[in-house]
Amino acid sequence: WKELEILNLLHQQSPDIAQGVDRE
């Protein structure tokens, strides 16, 4: 756990997906 090389590639959720979820 101390020696791990960690690459973070998280990005913003697609607005095309978000618009459907926003309508529940």
PDB file of all heavy atoms in Angstrom:
ATOM      1  N   TRP A   1       0.810  -1.219   0.000  1.00  0.00           N
ATOM      2  CA  TRP A   1       0.000   0.000   0.000  1.00  0.00           C
ATOM      3  C   TRP A   1       0.849   1.279   0.000  1.00  0.00           C
ATOM      4  O   TRP A   1       0.448   2.296  -0.572  1.00  0.00           O
ATOM      5  CB  TRP A   1      -0.949   0.000   1.198  1.00  0.00           C
ATOM      6  CG  TRP A   1      -0.304   0.006   2.554  1.00  0.00           C
ATOM      7  CD1 TRP A   1       0.095  -1.072   3.279  1.00  0.00           C
ATOM      8  CD2 TRP A   1       0.022   1.154   3.337  1.00  0.00           C
ATOM      9  NE1 TRP A   1       0.652  -0.671   4.470  1.00  0.00           N
ATOM     10  CE2 TRP A   1       0.611   0.693   4.537  1.00  0.00           C
ATOM     11  CE3 TRP A   1      -0.131   2.532   3.162  1.00  0.00           C
ATOM     12  CZ2 TRP A   1       1.051   1.549   5.537  1.00  0.00           C
ATOM     13  CZ3 TRP A   1       0.311   3.399   4.156  1.00  0.00           C
ATOM     14  CH2 TRP A   1       0.900   2.900   5.324  1.00  0.00           C
ATOM     15  N   LYS A   2       2.025   1.225   0.604  1.00  0.00           N
ATOM     16  CA  LYS A   2       2.889   2.403   0.633  1.00  0.00           C
ATOM     17  C   LYS A   2       3.569   2.672  -0.709  1.00  0.00           C
ATOM     18  O   LYS A   2       3.869   3.821  -1.045  1.00  0.00           O
ATOM     19  CB  LYS A   2       3.985   2.226   1.700  1.00  0.00           C
ATOM     20  CG  LYS A   2       3.551   2.477   3.124  1.00  0.00           C
ATOM     21  CD  LYS A   2       4.768   2.393   4.043  1.00  0.00           C
ATOM     22  CE  LYS A   2       4.381   2.653   5.492  1.00  0.00           C
ATOM     23  NZ  LYS A   2       5.568   2.549   6.385  1.00  0.00           N
ATOM     24  N   GLU A   3       3.834   1.601  -1.461  1.00  0.00           N
ATOM     25  CA  GLU A   3       4.658   1.717  -2.669  1.00  0.00           C
ATOM     26  C   GLU A   3       3.848   1.847  -3.953  1.00  0.00           C
ATOM     27  O   GLU A   3       4.413   1.996  -5.036  1.00  0.00           O
ATOM     28  CB  GLU A   3       5.577   0.480  -2.777  1.00  0.00           C
ATOM     29  CG  GLU A   3       6.393   0.178  -1.536  1.00  0.00           C
ATOM     30  CD  GLU A   3       7.328   1.315  -1.168  1.00  0.00           C
ATOM     31  OE1 GLU A   3       7.792   2.010  -2.095  1.00  0.00           O
ATOM     32  OE2 GLU A   3       7.579   1.520   0.033  1.00  0.00           O
ATOM     33  N   LEU A   4       2.547   1.806  -3.872  1.00  0.00           N
ATOM     34  CA  LEU A   4       1.720   1.796  -5.075  1.00  0.00           C
ATOM     35  C   LEU A   4       1.894   3.048  -5.928  1.00  0.00           C
ATOM     36  O   LEU A   4       1.933   4.171  -5.415  1.00  0.00           O
ATOM     37  CB  LEU A   4       0.237   1.691  -4.689  1.00  0.00           C
ATOM     38  CG  LEU A   4      -0.245   0.367  -4.083  1.00  0.00           C
ATOM     39  CD1 LEU A   4      -1.703   0.504  -3.670  1.00  0.00           C
ATOM     40  CD2 LEU A   4      -0.070  -0.779  -5.063  1.00  0.00           C
ATOM     41  N   GLU A   5       2.000   2.844  -7.224  1.00  0.00           N
ATOM     42  CA  GLU A   5       1.915   3.934  -8.194  1.00  0.00           C
ATOM     43  C   GLU A   5       0.454   4.043  -8.608  1.00  0.00           C
ATOM     44  O   GLU A   5      -0.111   3.089  -9.159  1.00  0.00           O
ATOM     45  CB  GLU A   5       2.801   3.642  -9.403  1.00  0.00           C
ATOM     46  CG  GLU A   5       2.768   4.720 -10.463  1.00  0.00           C
ATOM     47  CD  GLU A   5       3.580   4.347 -11.685  1.00  0.00           C
ATOM     48  OE1 GLU A   5       4.472   3.471 -11.583  1.00  0.00           O
ATOM     49  OE2 GLU A   5       3.312   4.917 -12.768  1.00  0.00           O
ATOM     50  N   ILE A   6      -0.174   5.177  -8.337  1.00  0.00           N
ATOM     51  CA  ILE A   6      -1.620   5.329  -8.538  1.00  0.00           C
ATOM     52  C   ILE A   6      -1.885   6.350  -9.631  1.00  0.00           C
ATOM     53  O   ILE A   6      -1.431   7.497  -9.551  1.00  0.00           O
ATOM     54  CB  ILE A   6      -2.311   5.748  -7.224  1.00  0.00           C
ATOM     55  CG1 ILE A   6      -2.046   4.702  -6.128  1.00  0.00           C
ATOM     56  CG2 ILE A   6      -3.810   5.946  -7.445  1.00  0.00           C
ATOM     57  CD1 ILE A   6      -2.383   5.167  -4.726  1.00  0.00           C
ATOM     58  N   LEU A   7      -2.626   5.930 -10.646  1.00  0.00           N
ATOM     59  CA  LEU A   7      -2.993   6.807 -11.754  1.00  0.00           C
ATOM     60  C   LEU A   7      -4.495   7.068 -11.694  1.00  0.00           C
ATOM     61  O   LEU A   7      -5.295   6.139 -11.783  1.00  0.00           O
ATOM     62  CB  LEU A   7      -2.621   6.159 -13.092  1.00  0.00           C
ATOM     63  CG  LEU A   7      -2.970   6.937 -14.369  1.00  0.00           C
ATOM     64  CD1 LEU A   7      -2.267   8.287 -14.390  1.00  0.00           C
ATOM     65  CD2 LEU A   7      -2.613   6.116 -15.602  1.00  0.00           C
ATOM     66  N   ASN A   8      -4.871   8.322 -11.538  1.00  0.00           N
ATOM     67  CA  ASN A   8      -6.276   8.707 -11.412  1.00  0.00           C
ATOM     68  C   ASN A   8      -6.761   9.325 -12.728  1.00  0.00           C
ATOM     69  O   ASN A   8      -6.319  10.406 -13.116  1.00  0.00           O
ATOM     70  CB  ASN A   8      -6.444   9.700 -10.260  1.00  0.00           C
ATOM     71  CG  ASN A   8      -7.869  10.230 -10.156  1.00  0.00           C
ATOM     72  OD1 ASN A   8      -8.804   9.653 -10.699  1.00  0.00           O
ATOM     73  ND2 ASN A   8      -8.038  11.335  -9.455  1.00  0.00           N
ATOM     74  N   LEU A   9      -7.685   8.635 -13.398  1.00  0.00           N
ATOM     75  CA  LEU A   9      -8.222   9.105 -14.677  1.00  0.00           C
ATOM     76  C   LEU A   9      -9.720   9.404 -14.600  1.00  0.00           C
ATOM     77  O   LEU A   9     -10.402   9.415 -15.627  1.00  0.00           O
ATOM     78  CB  LEU A   9      -7.965   8.046 -15.766  1.00  0.00           C
ATOM     79  CG  LEU A   9      -6.493   7.694 -16.026  1.00  0.00           C
ATOM     80  CD1 LEU A   9      -6.390   6.562 -17.048  1.00  0.00           C
ATOM     81  CD2 LEU A   9      -5.719   8.910 -16.498  1.00  0.00           C
ATOM     82  N   LEU A  10     -10.242   9.639 -13.407  1.00  0.00           N
ATOM     83  CA  LEU A  10     -11.652   9.978 -13.262  1.00  0.00           C
ATOM     84  C   LEU A  10     -11.960  11.302 -13.970  1.00  0.00           C
ATOM     85  O   LEU A  10     -11.157  12.230 -13.944  1.00  0.00           O
ATOM     86  CB  LEU A  10     -12.029  10.099 -11.780  1.00  0.00           C
ATOM     87  CG  LEU A  10     -12.095   8.792 -10.987  1.00  0.00           C
ATOM     88  CD1 LEU A  10     -12.280   9.087  -9.502  1.00  0.00           C
ATOM     89  CD2 LEU A  10     -13.216   7.888 -11.491  1.00  0.00           C
ATOM     90  N   HIS A  11     -13.125  11.387 -14.589  1.00  0.00           N
ATOM     91  CA  HIS A  11     -13.524  12.617 -15.283  1.00  0.00           C
ATOM     92  C   HIS A  11     -15.006  12.889 -15.049  1.00  0.00           C
ATOM     93  O   HIS A  11     -15.725  12.076 -14.457  1.00  0.00           O
ATOM     94  CB  HIS A  11     -13.225  12.512 -16.788  1.00  0.00           C
ATOM     95  CG  HIS A  11     -13.940  11.372 -17.469  1.00  0.00           C
ATOM     96  ND1 HIS A  11     -15.236  11.461 -17.918  1.00  0.00           N
ATOM     97  CD2 HIS A  11     -13.525  10.115 -17.766  1.00  0.00           C
ATOM     98  CE1 HIS A  11     -15.596  10.315 -18.460  1.00  0.00           C
ATOM     99  NE2 HIS A  11     -14.577   9.479 -18.384  1.00  0.00           N
ATOM    100  N   GLN A  12     -15.473  14.008 -15.536  1.00  0.00           N
ATOM    101  CA  GLN A  12     -16.851  14.451 -15.329  1.00  0.00           C
ATOM    102  C   GLN A  12     -17.834  13.529 -16.052  1.00  0.00           C
ATOM    103  O   GLN A  12     -17.574  13.081 -17.170  1.00  0.00           O
ATOM    104  CB  GLN A  12     -17.025  15.882 -15.847  1.00  0.00           C
ATOM    105  CG  GLN A  12     -18.359  16.527 -15.499  1.00  0.00           C
ATOM    106  CD  GLN A  12     -18.480  16.858 -14.018  1.00  0.00           C
ATOM    107  OE1 GLN A  12     -17.496  17.182 -13.379  1.00  0.00           O
ATOM    108  NE2 GLN A  12     -19.679  16.753 -13.479  1.00  0.00           N
ATOM    109  N   GLN A  13     -18.982  13.252 -15.413  1.00  0.00           N
ATOM    110  CA  GLN A  13     -20.019  12.447 -16.050  1.00  0.00           C
ATOM    111  C   GLN A  13     -20.537  13.129 -17.312  1.00  0.00           C
ATOM    112  O   GLN A  13     -20.698  14.347 -17.360  1.00  0.00           O
ATOM    113  CB  GLN A  13     -21.194  12.215 -15.095  1.00  0.00           C
ATOM    114  CG  GLN A  13     -22.279  11.304 -15.671  1.00  0.00           C
ATOM    115  CD  GLN A  13     -23.479  11.172 -14.752  1.00  0.00           C
ATOM    116  OE1 GLN A  13     -24.027  12.151 -14.271  1.00  0.00           O
ATOM    117  NE2 GLN A  13     -23.898   9.941 -14.500  1.00  0.00           N
ATOM    118  N   SER A  14     -20.803  12.333 -18.324  1.00  0.00           N
ATOM    119  CA  SER A  14     -21.324  12.858 -19.584  1.00  0.00           C
ATOM    120  C   SER A  14     -22.653  13.572 -19.364  1.00  0.00           C
ATOM    121  O   SER A  14     -23.559  13.035 -18.729  1.00  0.00           O
ATOM    122  CB  SER A  14     -21.528  11.711 -20.581  1.00  0.00           C
ATOM    123  OG  SER A  14     -22.382  12.097 -21.636  1.00  0.00           O
ATOM    124  N   PRO A  15     -22.811  14.777 -19.912  1.00  0.00           N
ATOM    125  CA  PRO A  15     -24.098  15.489 -19.777  1.00  0.00           C
ATOM    126  C   PRO A  15     -25.236  14.757 -20.497  1.00  0.00           C
ATOM    127  O   PRO A  15     -26.400  14.913 -20.128  1.00  0.00           O
ATOM    128  CB  PRO A  15     -23.811  16.852 -20.413  1.00  0.00           C
ATOM    129  CG  PRO A  15     -22.636  16.640 -21.304  1.00  0.00           C
ATOM    130  CD  PRO A  15     -21.808  15.583 -20.637  1.00  0.00           C
ATOM    131  N   ASP A  16     -24.911  13.932 -21.488  1.00  0.00           N
ATOM    132  CA  ASP A  16     -25.940  13.170 -22.197  1.00  0.00           C
ATOM    133  C   ASP A  16     -26.562  12.112 -21.287  1.00  0.00           C
ATOM    134  O   ASP A  16     -27.750  11.813 -21.384  1.00  0.00           O
ATOM    135  CB  ASP A  16     -25.338  12.493 -23.437  1.00  0.00           C
ATOM    136  CG  ASP A  16     -24.894  13.501 -24.489  1.00  0.00           C
ATOM    137  OD1 ASP A  16     -25.277  14.684 -24.363  1.00  0.00           O
ATOM    138  OD2 ASP A  16     -24.180  13.105 -25.418  1.00  0.00           O
ATOM    139  N   ILE A  17     -25.736  11.527 -20.413  1.00  0.00           N
ATOM    140  CA  ILE A  17     -26.252  10.578 -19.428  1.00  0.00           C
ATOM    141  C   ILE A  17     -26.963  11.329 -18.309  1.00  0.00           C
ATOM    142  O   ILE A  17     -28.048  10.951 -17.873  1.00  0.00           O
ATOM    143  CB  ILE A  17     -25.103   9.714 -18.855  1.00  0.00           C
ATOM    144  CG1 ILE A  17     -24.511   8.825 -19.953  1.00  0.00           C
ATOM    145  CG2 ILE A  17     -25.593   8.863 -17.681  1.00  0.00           C
ATOM    146  CD1 ILE A  17     -23.282   8.054 -19.517  1.00  0.00           C
ATOM    147  N   ALA A  18     -26.346  12.416 -17.860  1.00  0.00           N
ATOM    148  CA  ALA A  18     -26.870  13.171 -16.720  1.00  0.00           C
ATOM    149  C   ALA A  18     -28.287  13.683 -16.971  1.00  0.00           C
ATOM    150  O   ALA A  18     -29.115  13.701 -16.057  1.00  0.00           O
ATOM    151  CB  ALA A  18     -25.940  14.335 -16.387  1.00  0.00           C
ATOM    152  N   GLN A  19     -28.583  14.096 -18.215  1.00  0.00           N
ATOM    153  CA  GLN A  19     -29.894  14.693 -18.475  1.00  0.00           C
ATOM    154  C   GLN A  19     -31.031  13.686 -18.253  1.00  0.00           C
ATOM    155  O   GLN A  19     -32.110  14.057 -17.795  1.00  0.00           O
ATOM    156  CB  GLN A  19     -29.955  15.254 -19.897  1.00  0.00           C
ATOM    157  CG  GLN A  19     -29.847  14.227 -21.017  1.00  0.00           C
ATOM    158  CD  GLN A  19     -29.904  14.871 -22.396  1.00  0.00           C
ATOM    159  OE1 GLN A  19     -30.212  16.052 -22.520  1.00  0.00           O
ATOM    160  NE2 GLN A  19     -29.613  14.078 -23.426  1.00  0.00           N
ATOM    161  N   GLY A  20     -30.793  12.408 -18.549  1.00  0.00           N
ATOM    162  CA  GLY A  20     -31.819  11.400 -18.314  1.00  0.00           C
ATOM    163  C   GLY A  20     -32.010  11.110 -16.843  1.00  0.00           C
ATOM    164  O   GLY A  20     -33.127  10.952 -16.359  1.00  0.00           O
ATOM    165  N   VAL A  21     -30.887  11.077 -16.111  1.00  0.00           N
ATOM    166  CA  VAL A  21     -30.956  10.814 -14.674  1.00  0.00           C
ATOM    167  C   VAL A  21     -31.561  12.001 -13.945  1.00  0.00           C
ATOM    168  O   VAL A  21     -32.292  11.840 -12.963  1.00  0.00           O
ATOM    169  CB  VAL A  21     -29.541  10.493 -14.127  1.00  0.00           C
ATOM    170  CG1 VAL A  21     -29.601  10.213 -12.629  1.00  0.00           C
ATOM    171  CG2 VAL A  21     -28.945   9.300 -14.857  1.00  0.00           C
ATOM    172  N   ASP A  22     -31.280  13.216 -14.433  1.00  0.00           N
ATOM    173  CA  ASP A  22     -31.847  14.422 -13.822  1.00  0.00           C
ATOM    174  C   ASP A  22     -33.373  14.406 -13.859  1.00  0.00           C
ATOM    175  O   ASP A  22     -34.031  15.016 -13.007  1.00  0.00           O
ATOM    176  CB  ASP A  22     -31.335  15.675 -14.531  1.00  0.00           C
ATOM    177  CG  ASP A  22     -29.855  15.939 -14.265  1.00  0.00           C
ATOM    178  OD1 ASP A  22     -29.344  15.398 -13.272  1.00  0.00           O
ATOM    179  OD2 ASP A  22     -29.229  16.665 -15.056  1.00  0.00           O
ATOM    180  N   ARG A  23     -33.942  13.724 -14.833  1.00  0.00           N
ATOM    181  CA  ARG A  23     -35.406  13.590 -14.925  1.00  0.00           C
ATOM    182  C   ARG A  23     -35.903  12.388 -14.118  1.00  0.00           C
ATOM    183  O   ARG A  23     -37.038  11.942 -14.290  1.00  0.00           O
ATOM    184  CB  ARG A  23     -35.825  13.439 -16.389  1.00  0.00           C
ATOM    185  CG  ARG A  23     -35.493  14.635 -17.276  1.00  0.00           C
ATOM    186  CD  ARG A  23     -36.272  14.569 -18.592  1.00  0.00           C
ATOM    187  NE  ARG A  23     -35.973  13.362 -19.344  1.00  0.00           N
ATOM    188  CZ  ARG A  23     -35.050  13.299 -20.317  1.00  0.00           C
ATOM    189  NH1 ARG A  23     -34.344  14.375 -20.624  1.00  0.00           N
ATOM    190  NH2 ARG A  23     -34.832  12.169 -20.962  1.00  0.00           N
ATOM    191  N   GLU A  24     -35.019  11.847 -13.265  1.00  0.00           N
ATOM    192  CA  GLU A  24     -35.313  10.695 -12.410  1.00  0.00           C
ATOM    193  C   GLU A  24     -35.523   9.420 -13.214  1.00  0.00           C
ATOM    194  O   GLU A  24     -36.198   8.486 -12.781  1.00  0.00           O
ATOM    195  CB  GLU A  24     -36.516  10.965 -11.497  1.00  0.00           C
ATOM    196  CG  GLU A  24     -36.278  12.114 -10.531  1.00  0.00           C
ATOM    197  CD  GLU A  24     -37.324  12.194  -9.438  1.00  0.00           C
ATOM    198  OE1 GLU A  24     -38.366  11.532  -9.550  1.00  0.00           O
ATOM    199  OE2 GLU A  24     -37.079  12.918  -8.471  1.00  0.00           O
TER     200      GLU A  24
END
